[in-house]
C-alpha atoms as a PDB file:
ATOM      1  CA  MET A   1     164.030 135.608  68.866  1.00  0.00           C
ATOM      2  CA  THR A   2     164.079 134.490  72.416  1.00  0.00           C
ATOM      3  CA  ARG A   3     166.214 135.999  75.327  1.00  0.00           C
ATOM      4  CA  TRP A   4     165.908 133.934  78.294  1.00  0.00           C
ATOM      5  CA  ASP A   5     168.406 136.432  80.099  1.00  0.00           C
ATOM      6  CA  TRP A   6     165.687 138.778  79.488  1.00  0.00           C
ATOM      7  CA  ALA A   7     163.074 136.378  80.787  1.00  0.00           C
ATOM      8  CA  GLN A   8     165.119 136.044  84.102  1.00  0.00           C
ATOM      9  CA  ASP A   9     165.216 140.038  84.250  1.00  0.00           C
ATOM     10  CA  LEU A  10     161.569 140.179  84.078  1.00  0.00           C
ATOM     11  CA  PHE A  11     160.975 137.383  86.558  1.00  0.00           C
ATOM     12  CA  GLU A  12     163.563 138.971  89.122  1.00  0.00           C
ATOM     13  CA  TRP A  13     161.398 142.293  88.441  1.00  0.00           C
ATOM     14  CA  PHE A  14     157.969 140.708  89.168  1.00  0.00           C
ATOM     15  CA  GLU A  15     159.441 138.777  92.402  1.00  0.00           C
ATOM     16  CA  TYR A  16     160.856 142.267  93.728  1.00  0.00           C
ATOM     17  CA  TYR A  17     158.287 144.793  92.808  1.00  0.00           C
ATOM     18  CA  LEU A  18     155.262 142.758  92.923  1.00  0.00           C
ATOM     19  CA  LYS A  19     155.612 140.357  95.527  1.00  0.00           C
ATOM     20  CA  GLY A  20     158.500 142.091  97.505  1.00  0.00           C
ATOM     21  CA  ILE A  21     160.970 139.103  97.619  1.00  0.00           C
ATOM     22  CA  GLY A  22     164.551 139.073  96.401  1.00  0.00           C
ATOM     23  CA  PRO A  23     167.351 141.633  95.223  1.00  0.00           C
ATOM     24  CA  GLU A  24     166.377 144.929  93.358  1.00  0.00           C
ATOM     25  CA  PRO A  25     166.699 144.416  89.903  1.00  0.00           C
ATOM     26  CA  GLU A  26     169.781 146.062  88.466  1.00  0.00           C
ATOM     27  CA  GLN A  27     168.467 149.739  86.992  1.00  0.00           C
ATOM     28  CA  ILE A  28     169.394 149.256  83.109  1.00  0.00           C
ATOM     29  CA  VAL A  29     167.395 150.328  79.981  1.00  0.00           C
ATOM     30  CA  GLN A  30     167.562 147.430  77.191  1.00  0.00           C
ATOM     31  CA  ILE A  31     166.049 148.375  73.914  1.00  0.00           C
ATOM     32  CA  GLN A  32     165.064 146.068  71.155  1.00  0.00           C
ATOM     33  CA  ARG A  33     166.051 147.641  67.668  1.00  0.00           C
ATOM     34  CA  SER A  34     163.810 146.897  64.578  1.00  0.00           C
ATOM     35  CA  ASP A  35     166.358 144.844  63.084  1.00  0.00           C
ATOM     36  CA  GLY A  36     166.329 142.331  66.198  1.00  0.00           C
ATOM     37  CA  GLN A  37     169.755 143.610  68.100  1.00  0.00           C
ATOM     38  CA  TRP A  38     169.444 144.617  71.712  1.00  0.00           C
ATOM     39  CA  ARG A  39     171.372 147.671  73.068  1.00  0.00           C
ATOM     40  CA  ILE A  40     171.522 149.091  76.812  1.00  0.00           C
ATOM     41  CA  GLU A  41     171.080 152.955  77.290  1.00  0.00           C
ATOM     42  CA  GLU A  42     172.788 153.966  80.149  1.00  0.00           C
ATOM     43  CA  THR A  43     169.973 157.052  80.675  1.00  0.00           C
ATOM     44  CA  TRP A  44     166.532 156.964  80.170  1.00  0.00           C
ATOM     45  CA  PRO A  45     165.172 158.782  78.018  1.00  0.00           C
ATOM     46  CA  PRO A  46     168.403 158.628  75.969  1.00  0.00           C
ATOM     47  CA  SER A  47     170.308 161.654  75.654  1.00  0.00           C
ATOM     48  CA  GLY A  48     169.662 163.778  72.310  1.00  0.00           C
ATOM     49  CA  LEU A  49     166.282 162.915  72.423  1.00  0.00           C
ATOM     50  CA  ASP A  50     163.864 164.860  70.346  1.00  0.00           C
ATOM     51  CA  TRP A  51     160.054 165.100  71.882  1.00  0.00           C
ATOM     52  CA  ILE A  52     157.011 165.236  70.245  1.00  0.00           C
ATOM     53  CA  ASP A  53     153.575 165.292  70.976  1.00  0.00           C
ATOM     54  CA  LEU A  54     151.485 162.728  70.119  1.00  0.00           C
ATOM     55  CA  SER A  55     147.215 163.308  69.937  1.00  0.00           C
ATOM     56  CA  LEU A  56     145.073 160.609  70.880  1.00  0.00           C
ATOM     57  CA  GLY A  57     142.182 162.876  69.454  1.00  0.00           C
ATOM     58  CA  ASP A  58     139.956 161.476  66.204  1.00  0.00           C
ATOM     59  CA  CYS A  59     142.139 158.627  64.906  1.00  0.00           C
ATOM     60  CA  THR A  60     143.337 160.237  62.367  1.00  0.00           C
ATOM     61  CA  ASN A  61     147.170 160.689  61.308  1.00  0.00           C
ATOM     62  CA  MET A  62     146.879 164.516  60.881  1.00  0.00           C
ATOM     63  CA  GLY A  63     148.854 164.517  57.867  1.00  0.00           C
ATOM     64  CA  ASN A  64     151.855 162.717  59.471  1.00  0.00           C
ATOM     65  CA  SER A  65     153.410 160.651  56.823  1.00  0.00           C
ATOM     66  CA  TRP A  66     155.448 158.590  59.694  1.00  0.00           C
ATOM     67  CA  VAL A  67     152.022 157.298  60.776  1.00  0.00           C
ATOM     68  CA  GLY A  68     151.479 155.332  58.051  1.00  0.00           C
ATOM     69  CA  GLY A  69     149.191 157.679  55.935  1.00  0.00           C
ATOM     70  CA  ALA A  70     146.011 155.903  57.036  1.00  0.00           C
ATOM     71  CA  PRO A  71     143.288 156.500  59.709  1.00  0.00           C
ATOM     72  CA  VAL A  72     143.408 153.563  62.301  1.00  0.00           C
ATOM     73  CA  ILE A  73     140.575 151.310  63.581  1.00  0.00           C
ATOM     74  CA  GLY A  74     137.273 153.287  62.576  1.00  0.00           C
ATOM     75  CA  GLY A  75     138.823 155.894  60.831  1.00  0.00           C
ATOM     76  CA  GLU A  76     137.103 159.424  61.740  1.00  0.00           C
ATOM     77  CA  GLY A  77     134.277 159.496  63.985  1.00  0.00           C
ATOM     78  CA  GLY A  78     134.348 155.564  64.663  1.00  0.00           C
ATOM     79  CA  PHE A  79     135.786 153.432  67.377  1.00  0.00           C
ATOM     80  CA  CYS A  80     139.283 154.121  68.191  1.00  0.00           C
END
């Protein structure tokens, strides 16, 4: 799905923050859900958020079923 208005938002962000030209972009958070729909959050992070710690240790999932149940590239002791 292409969102040309999002591309314009990116362009304006790069112009202002990287080149120092143009008006300051609007400060909103736009999130695309897994079903392709977009929503706008009034605050970031969103209220009611549950924080979790994600280890960047040995490239294993440590038993967390939501990770997918398999080691990432290389597995134990491999290239992470």
